[in-house]
Amino acid sequence: MPDTPWEEMRALAQKAHAHAYAPYSKLQVGAALWTGHRIHVGCNVENASFGLTVCAERHALAQAVAAGERPEALLVFATTPKPIFPCGACRQVLWELCAESLPIVCATPAGQPLTFHLGQLLPFAFEKGLLQALGLAPPMP
C-alpha cells in the first residue's frame, strides 16, 4: 500500500505503546490502524481479571468502527526483541471487519518489521457466513 503513512503510524503506535497499562504481563503493545482517512491508535489495557484485558489492536479497531471507518492497514509495535503478532482473539475480530488482504506490519524499535496479510495469520477463520449457511443466523450485511 504505497499511500499508507507507515512512518507516521509507527511513531503513533510507539507513543501509544508508552501509555499501555501492562502491570501483569509487562508486555506493552501499541497499534496504529490506517483507514485511508486517518490513523486510529490503541494500546493494551490489562486487568486483574485477564478476560477483561483489551489488546492494542482491538482498541484501535474499536475507535475506527466508532468513527464509521474500516481499516486498510495495521501496524503493531512492541518493545521486545522480536515482533509481536495479534493474538487469536484480535485476528478473529479483524477478520470480521477487515479484508483478508489487510496488511499487518509487526515492528520493534531496532528490528526489521515483518509484514503479513490477515489471511496468512488466520488461514481458517470462523466466518459469519458459516452461521448463515448453517441456518443459525439471519443474513448479515
N, C-alpha and C. Protein backbone atom coordinates (compact mmCIF):
# COMPACT_ATOMS: atom_id res chain seq x y z
N MET A 1 0.85 -1.18 0.00
CA MET A 1 0.00 0.00 0.00
C MET A 1 0.89 1.24 0.00
N PRO A 2 1.17 1.79 -1.17
CA PRO A 2 2.11 2.90 -1.27
C PRO A 2 1.64 4.17 -0.57
N ASP A 3 0.33 4.36 -0.43
CA ASP A 3 -0.17 5.58 0.19
C ASP A 3 -0.36 5.47 1.69
N THR A 4 -0.01 4.34 2.26
CA THR A 4 -0.14 4.15 3.70
C THR A 4 0.99 4.88 4.42
N PRO A 5 0.66 5.72 5.39
CA PRO A 5 1.70 6.51 6.09
C PRO A 5 2.41 5.69 7.18
N TRP A 6 3.22 4.72 6.76
CA TRP A 6 3.83 3.78 7.70
C TRP A 6 4.67 4.47 8.77
N GLU A 7 5.46 5.46 8.41
CA GLU A 7 6.34 6.11 9.39
C GLU A 7 5.52 6.85 10.45
N GLU A 8 4.47 7.53 10.03
CA GLU A 8 3.60 8.20 10.99
C GLU A 8 2.88 7.18 11.87
N MET A 9 2.45 6.09 11.27
CA MET A 9 1.80 5.03 12.04
C MET A 9 2.75 4.46 13.08
N ARG A 10 3.99 4.25 12.67
CA ARG A 10 4.98 3.70 13.59
C ARG A 10 5.19 4.64 14.78
N ALA A 11 5.31 5.93 14.51
CA ALA A 11 5.51 6.90 15.59
C ALA A 11 4.31 6.93 16.53
N LEU A 12 3.11 6.88 15.99
CA LEU A 12 1.91 6.91 16.83
C LEU A 12 1.74 5.62 17.61
N ALA A 13 2.05 4.49 16.99
CA ALA A 13 1.97 3.20 17.71
C ALA A 13 3.00 3.17 18.83
N GLN A 14 4.17 3.71 18.56
CA GLN A 14 5.23 3.76 19.58
C GLN A 14 4.79 4.63 20.76
N LYS A 15 4.14 5.75 20.45
CA LYS A 15 3.64 6.64 21.51
C LYS A 15 2.54 5.94 22.32
N ALA A 16 1.62 5.26 21.63
CA ALA A 16 0.55 4.54 22.32
C ALA A 16 1.14 3.44 23.19
N HIS A 17 2.15 2.77 22.66
CA HIS A 17 2.84 1.71 23.40
C HIS A 17 3.32 2.22 24.75
N ALA A 18 3.84 3.43 24.77
CA ALA A 18 4.36 4.01 26.01
C ALA A 18 3.26 4.23 27.05
N HIS A 19 2.01 4.30 26.60
CA HIS A 19 0.88 4.52 27.51
C HIS A 19 0.17 3.22 27.90
N ALA A 20 0.63 2.10 27.38
CA ALA A 20 -0.01 0.82 27.68
C ALA A 20 -0.01 0.55 29.19
N TYR A 21 -1.07 -0.09 29.64
CA TYR A 21 -1.19 -0.47 31.05
C TYR A 21 -1.02 -1.99 31.10
N ALA A 22 0.18 -2.42 31.47
CA ALA A 22 0.50 -3.85 31.45
C ALA A 22 1.24 -4.28 32.71
N PRO A 23 0.62 -4.09 33.90
CA PRO A 23 1.31 -4.43 35.14
C PRO A 23 1.48 -5.93 35.36
N TYR A 24 0.73 -6.76 34.66
CA TYR A 24 0.77 -8.21 34.90
C TYR A 24 1.74 -8.90 33.94
N SER A 25 1.58 -8.66 32.66
CA SER A 25 2.44 -9.32 31.67
C SER A 25 3.74 -8.55 31.43
N LYS A 26 3.72 -7.26 31.72
CA LYS A 26 4.86 -6.37 31.43
C LYS A 26 5.09 -6.24 29.93
N LEU A 27 4.17 -6.69 29.11
CA LEU A 27 4.28 -6.63 27.66
C LEU A 27 3.43 -5.46 27.16
N GLN A 28 4.08 -4.36 26.86
CA GLN A 28 3.38 -3.18 26.36
C GLN A 28 3.31 -3.25 24.84
N VAL A 29 2.11 -3.00 24.31
CA VAL A 29 1.89 -3.04 22.88
C VAL A 29 1.13 -1.80 22.46
N GLY A 30 1.52 -1.23 21.34
CA GLY A 30 0.80 -0.12 20.72
C GLY A 30 0.41 -0.53 19.32
N ALA A 31 -0.70 -0.02 18.84
CA ALA A 31 -1.16 -0.34 17.49
C ALA A 31 -1.62 0.93 16.80
N ALA A 32 -1.41 0.97 15.50
CA ALA A 32 -1.90 2.07 14.68
C ALA A 32 -2.63 1.47 13.48
N LEU A 33 -3.81 1.96 13.23
CA LEU A 33 -4.66 1.42 12.19
C LEU A 33 -4.96 2.54 11.19
N TRP A 34 -4.67 2.32 9.93
CA TRP A 34 -4.91 3.29 8.87
C TRP A 34 -6.21 2.93 8.17
N THR A 35 -7.12 3.90 8.04
CA THR A 35 -8.40 3.66 7.38
C THR A 35 -8.49 4.29 5.99
N GLY A 36 -7.42 4.91 5.57
CA GLY A 36 -7.46 5.63 4.30
C GLY A 36 -7.78 7.09 4.51
N HIS A 37 -8.30 7.42 5.69
CA HIS A 37 -8.65 8.80 6.03
C HIS A 37 -7.85 9.31 7.22
N ARG A 38 -7.66 8.43 8.18
CA ARG A 38 -6.93 8.81 9.39
C ARG A 38 -6.34 7.59 10.06
N ILE A 39 -5.53 7.88 11.06
CA ILE A 39 -4.88 6.83 11.85
C ILE A 39 -5.56 6.75 13.20
N HIS A 40 -5.95 5.56 13.59
CA HIS A 40 -6.51 5.31 14.92
C HIS A 40 -5.47 4.51 15.69
N VAL A 41 -5.26 4.87 16.95
CA VAL A 41 -4.25 4.18 17.75
C VAL A 41 -4.89 3.50 18.95
N GLY A 42 -4.17 2.54 19.47
CA GLY A 42 -4.62 1.82 20.66
C GLY A 42 -3.43 1.26 21.40
N CYS A 43 -3.67 0.94 22.66
CA CYS A 43 -2.65 0.27 23.46
C CYS A 43 -3.34 -0.80 24.28
N ASN A 44 -2.57 -1.76 24.76
CA ASN A 44 -3.19 -2.79 25.58
C ASN A 44 -3.46 -2.24 26.99
N VAL A 45 -4.59 -2.66 27.53
CA VAL A 45 -5.01 -2.26 28.87
C VAL A 45 -5.38 -3.55 29.60
N GLU A 46 -4.49 -3.98 30.48
CA GLU A 46 -4.69 -5.22 31.20
C GLU A 46 -5.61 -5.05 32.40
N ASN A 47 -6.08 -6.17 32.91
CA ASN A 47 -6.97 -6.19 34.06
C ASN A 47 -6.63 -7.43 34.88
N ALA A 48 -6.78 -7.33 36.19
CA ALA A 48 -6.51 -8.48 37.05
C ALA A 48 -7.37 -9.68 36.66
N SER A 49 -8.55 -9.42 36.13
CA SER A 49 -9.38 -10.46 35.55
C SER A 49 -9.00 -10.51 34.08
N PHE A 50 -8.06 -11.39 33.73
CA PHE A 50 -7.41 -11.35 32.42
C PHE A 50 -8.37 -11.33 31.24
N GLY A 51 -9.53 -11.93 31.36
CA GLY A 51 -10.50 -11.93 30.27
C GLY A 51 -11.00 -10.54 29.92
N LEU A 52 -10.83 -9.60 30.83
CA LEU A 52 -11.28 -8.22 30.59
C LEU A 52 -10.20 -7.36 29.95
N THR A 53 -9.03 -7.92 29.74
CA THR A 53 -7.94 -7.19 29.11
C THR A 53 -8.33 -6.82 27.68
N VAL A 54 -7.95 -5.62 27.27
CA VAL A 54 -8.19 -5.16 25.91
C VAL A 54 -6.84 -5.05 25.21
N CYS A 55 -6.73 -5.69 24.06
CA CYS A 55 -5.48 -5.64 23.28
C CYS A 55 -5.40 -4.34 22.50
N ALA A 56 -4.20 -3.96 22.16
CA ALA A 56 -3.96 -2.73 21.40
C ALA A 56 -4.69 -2.73 20.06
N GLU A 57 -4.66 -3.88 19.38
CA GLU A 57 -5.27 -3.97 18.05
C GLU A 57 -6.79 -3.75 18.11
N ARG A 58 -7.44 -4.40 19.07
CA ARG A 58 -8.90 -4.23 19.20
C ARG A 58 -9.25 -2.83 19.69
N HIS A 59 -8.38 -2.24 20.50
CA HIS A 59 -8.58 -0.88 20.97
C HIS A 59 -8.62 0.07 19.77
N ALA A 60 -7.63 -0.03 18.88
CA ALA A 60 -7.58 0.82 17.69
C ALA A 60 -8.74 0.52 16.75
N LEU A 61 -9.06 -0.75 16.57
CA LEU A 61 -10.15 -1.14 15.68
C LEU A 61 -11.49 -0.60 16.17
N ALA A 62 -11.73 -0.63 17.47
CA ALA A 62 -12.98 -0.11 18.01
C ALA A 62 -13.10 1.39 17.75
N GLN A 63 -12.00 2.10 17.83
CA GLN A 63 -12.05 3.54 17.53
C GLN A 63 -12.41 3.79 16.07
N ALA A 64 -11.84 2.98 15.17
CA ALA A 64 -12.15 3.13 13.75
C ALA A 64 -13.63 2.84 13.49
N VAL A 65 -14.14 1.77 14.07
CA VAL A 65 -15.55 1.41 13.89
C VAL A 65 -16.44 2.51 14.45
N ALA A 66 -16.10 3.06 15.62
CA ALA A 66 -16.89 4.14 16.21
C ALA A 66 -16.91 5.38 15.32
N ALA A 67 -15.86 5.56 14.53
CA ALA A 67 -15.78 6.71 13.61
C ALA A 67 -16.43 6.39 12.26
N GLY A 68 -16.97 5.16 12.13
CA GLY A 68 -17.63 4.77 10.89
C GLY A 68 -16.66 4.40 9.78
N GLU A 69 -15.45 3.97 10.15
CA GLU A 69 -14.43 3.65 9.16
C GLU A 69 -14.01 2.18 9.27
N ARG A 70 -13.40 1.69 8.21
CA ARG A 70 -12.87 0.32 8.19
C ARG A 70 -11.38 0.39 7.86
N PRO A 71 -10.61 -0.49 8.46
CA PRO A 71 -9.16 -0.46 8.30
C PRO A 71 -8.67 -0.86 6.91
N GLU A 72 -7.57 -0.26 6.52
CA GLU A 72 -6.87 -0.63 5.29
C GLU A 72 -5.49 -1.20 5.61
N ALA A 73 -4.95 -0.89 6.80
CA ALA A 73 -3.63 -1.38 7.19
C ALA A 73 -3.51 -1.29 8.70
N LEU A 74 -2.69 -2.19 9.28
CA LEU A 74 -2.47 -2.23 10.72
C LEU A 74 -0.99 -2.37 11.01
N LEU A 75 -0.50 -1.57 11.95
CA LEU A 75 0.87 -1.71 12.42
C LEU A 75 0.83 -2.02 13.90
N VAL A 76 1.53 -3.05 14.34
CA VAL A 76 1.61 -3.45 15.74
C VAL A 76 3.04 -3.19 16.20
N PHE A 77 3.19 -2.47 17.30
CA PHE A 77 4.52 -2.10 17.78
C PHE A 77 4.71 -2.57 19.21
N ALA A 78 5.85 -3.18 19.49
CA ALA A 78 6.17 -3.59 20.86
C ALA A 78 7.67 -3.45 21.09
N THR A 79 8.04 -3.11 22.31
CA THR A 79 9.45 -3.03 22.65
C THR A 79 9.89 -4.39 23.16
N THR A 80 10.10 -5.26 22.23
CA THR A 80 10.55 -6.63 22.53
C THR A 80 11.64 -6.97 21.52
N PRO A 81 12.45 -7.98 21.81
CA PRO A 81 13.49 -8.35 20.84
C PRO A 81 12.92 -8.83 19.50
N LYS A 82 11.74 -9.45 19.55
CA LYS A 82 11.10 -9.96 18.34
C LYS A 82 9.72 -9.31 18.19
N PRO A 83 9.24 -9.19 16.96
CA PRO A 83 7.91 -8.60 16.76
C PRO A 83 6.81 -9.39 17.45
N ILE A 84 5.78 -8.69 17.85
CA ILE A 84 4.59 -9.26 18.47
C ILE A 84 3.49 -9.29 17.41
N PHE A 85 2.80 -10.40 17.31
CA PHE A 85 1.71 -10.54 16.35
C PHE A 85 0.38 -10.47 17.08
N PRO A 86 -0.70 -10.08 16.39
CA PRO A 86 -2.01 -10.05 17.03
C PRO A 86 -2.38 -11.43 17.59
N CYS A 87 -3.00 -11.44 18.76
CA CYS A 87 -3.44 -12.70 19.37
C CYS A 87 -4.60 -13.28 18.57
N GLY A 88 -5.01 -14.47 18.92
CA GLY A 88 -6.10 -15.13 18.20
C GLY A 88 -7.41 -14.35 18.25
N ALA A 89 -7.74 -13.79 19.40
CA ALA A 89 -8.98 -13.02 19.51
C ALA A 89 -8.93 -11.79 18.60
N CYS A 90 -7.79 -11.11 18.58
CA CYS A 90 -7.65 -9.93 17.71
C CYS A 90 -7.75 -10.33 16.24
N ARG A 91 -7.13 -11.44 15.88
CA ARG A 91 -7.18 -11.90 14.49
C ARG A 91 -8.62 -12.17 14.07
N GLN A 92 -9.39 -12.79 14.96
CA GLN A 92 -10.78 -13.10 14.64
C GLN A 92 -11.61 -11.83 14.51
N VAL A 93 -11.42 -10.85 15.39
CA VAL A 93 -12.16 -9.59 15.31
C VAL A 93 -11.76 -8.83 14.05
N LEU A 94 -10.47 -8.81 13.73
CA LEU A 94 -10.02 -8.18 12.49
C LEU A 94 -10.67 -8.86 11.28
N TRP A 95 -10.76 -10.19 11.30
CA TRP A 95 -11.36 -10.94 10.19
C TRP A 95 -12.80 -10.51 9.98
N GLU A 96 -13.52 -10.28 11.05
CA GLU A 96 -14.92 -9.89 10.96
C GLU A 96 -15.09 -8.55 10.26
N LEU A 97 -14.14 -7.65 10.43
CA LEU A 97 -14.32 -6.27 9.98
C LEU A 97 -13.38 -5.82 8.87
N CYS A 98 -12.44 -6.66 8.48
CA CYS A 98 -11.41 -6.23 7.53
C CYS A 98 -11.34 -7.20 6.36
N ALA A 99 -10.60 -6.77 5.35
CA ALA A 99 -10.36 -7.64 4.19
C ALA A 99 -9.30 -8.68 4.54
N GLU A 100 -9.41 -9.84 3.93
CA GLU A 100 -8.43 -10.90 4.12
C GLU A 100 -7.03 -10.43 3.74
N SER A 101 -6.97 -9.45 2.85
CA SER A 101 -5.69 -8.92 2.37
C SER A 101 -5.13 -7.79 3.22
N LEU A 102 -5.77 -7.50 4.37
CA LEU A 102 -5.31 -6.42 5.25
C LEU A 102 -3.83 -6.62 5.58
N PRO A 103 -2.95 -5.65 5.22
CA PRO A 103 -1.54 -5.80 5.59
C PRO A 103 -1.35 -5.53 7.08
N ILE A 104 -0.62 -6.39 7.73
CA ILE A 104 -0.30 -6.24 9.15
C ILE A 104 1.22 -6.21 9.27
N VAL A 105 1.74 -5.11 9.79
CA VAL A 105 3.17 -4.94 9.96
C VAL A 105 3.47 -5.02 11.45
N CYS A 106 4.37 -5.89 11.83
CA CYS A 106 4.77 -6.08 13.23
C CYS A 106 6.18 -5.53 13.37
N ALA A 107 6.36 -4.57 14.27
CA ALA A 107 7.63 -3.85 14.37
C ALA A 107 8.13 -3.77 15.80
N THR A 108 9.44 -3.60 15.91
CA THR A 108 10.12 -3.35 17.19
C THR A 108 11.01 -2.12 16.97
N PRO A 109 11.55 -1.55 18.03
CA PRO A 109 12.39 -0.37 17.85
C PRO A 109 13.62 -0.62 16.98
N ALA A 110 14.26 -1.76 17.13
CA ALA A 110 15.52 -1.99 16.43
C ALA A 110 15.43 -3.02 15.32
N GLY A 111 14.42 -3.85 15.34
CA GLY A 111 14.36 -4.94 14.39
C GLY A 111 13.70 -4.58 13.08
N GLN A 112 13.89 -5.44 12.11
CA GLN A 112 13.26 -5.29 10.80
C GLN A 112 11.78 -5.63 10.93
N PRO A 113 10.88 -4.75 10.47
CA PRO A 113 9.45 -5.07 10.54
C PRO A 113 9.11 -6.29 9.69
N LEU A 114 8.14 -7.07 10.15
CA LEU A 114 7.65 -8.22 9.41
C LEU A 114 6.25 -7.90 8.92
N THR A 115 5.98 -8.18 7.66
CA THR A 115 4.68 -7.88 7.08
C THR A 115 3.98 -9.16 6.65
N PHE A 116 2.71 -9.25 7.03
CA PHE A 116 1.86 -10.37 6.65
C PHE A 116 0.51 -9.80 6.24
N HIS A 117 -0.32 -10.64 5.66
CA HIS A 117 -1.70 -10.29 5.41
C HIS A 117 -2.56 -11.07 6.40
N LEU A 118 -3.71 -10.52 6.73
CA LEU A 118 -4.59 -11.14 7.71
C LEU A 118 -4.87 -12.60 7.36
N GLY A 119 -5.09 -12.90 6.11
CA GLY A 119 -5.35 -14.28 5.70
C GLY A 119 -4.21 -15.23 6.01
N GLN A 120 -2.98 -14.72 6.03
CA GLN A 120 -1.83 -15.55 6.38
C GLN A 120 -1.81 -15.84 7.88
N LEU A 121 -2.24 -14.86 8.68
CA LEU A 121 -2.21 -15.02 10.13
C LEU A 121 -3.42 -15.80 10.66
N LEU A 122 -4.47 -15.87 9.88
CA LEU A 122 -5.67 -16.60 10.30
C LEU A 122 -6.22 -17.37 9.09
N PRO A 123 -5.54 -18.46 8.70
CA PRO A 123 -5.92 -19.15 7.47
C PRO A 123 -7.27 -19.87 7.53
N PHE A 124 -7.75 -20.23 8.68
CA PHE A 124 -9.02 -20.94 8.80
C PHE A 124 -9.95 -20.19 9.73
N ALA A 125 -10.28 -18.96 9.35
CA ALA A 125 -11.10 -18.09 10.19
C ALA A 125 -12.51 -18.63 10.35
N PHE A 126 -13.11 -18.33 11.48
CA PHE A 126 -14.51 -18.63 11.73
C PHE A 126 -15.28 -17.47 11.11
N GLU A 127 -16.01 -17.72 10.06
CA GLU A 127 -16.66 -16.66 9.31
C GLU A 127 -18.14 -16.55 9.62
N LYS A 128 -18.63 -15.31 9.57
CA LYS A 128 -20.05 -15.06 9.83
C LYS A 128 -20.94 -15.78 8.82
N GLY A 129 -20.43 -15.99 7.59
CA GLY A 129 -21.19 -16.70 6.58
C GLY A 129 -21.48 -18.14 6.96
N LEU A 130 -20.62 -18.73 7.79
CA LEU A 130 -20.83 -20.10 8.24
C LEU A 130 -22.11 -20.21 9.06
N LEU A 131 -22.35 -19.25 9.93
CA LEU A 131 -23.57 -19.26 10.73
C LEU A 131 -24.81 -19.17 9.86
N GLN A 132 -24.72 -18.34 8.82
CA GLN A 132 -25.85 -18.21 7.89
C GLN A 132 -26.05 -19.51 7.12
N ALA A 133 -24.97 -20.10 6.66
CA ALA A 133 -25.05 -21.35 5.89
C ALA A 133 -25.67 -22.48 6.72
N LEU A 134 -25.43 -22.46 8.01
CA LEU A 134 -25.99 -23.48 8.90
C LEU A 134 -27.40 -23.14 9.37
N GLY A 135 -27.91 -21.97 8.95
CA GLY A 135 -29.24 -21.55 9.35
C GLY A 135 -29.31 -21.09 10.79
N LEU A 136 -28.16 -20.71 11.35
CA LEU A 136 -28.12 -20.28 12.76
C LEU A 136 -28.17 -18.77 12.92
N ALA A 137 -28.15 -18.04 11.82
CA ALA A 137 -28.18 -16.58 11.91
C ALA A 137 -28.85 -16.03 10.66
N PRO A 138 -29.54 -14.91 10.81
CA PRO A 138 -30.14 -14.27 9.63
C PRO A 138 -29.03 -13.66 8.78
N PRO A 139 -29.31 -13.37 7.51
CA PRO A 139 -28.31 -12.72 6.66
C PRO A 139 -27.83 -11.43 7.32
N MET A 140 -26.52 -11.22 7.24
CA MET A 140 -25.93 -10.02 7.83
C MET A 140 -25.32 -9.18 6.72
N PRO A 141 -25.20 -7.89 6.97
CA PRO A 141 -24.61 -7.01 5.95
C PRO A 141 -23.15 -7.30 5.72
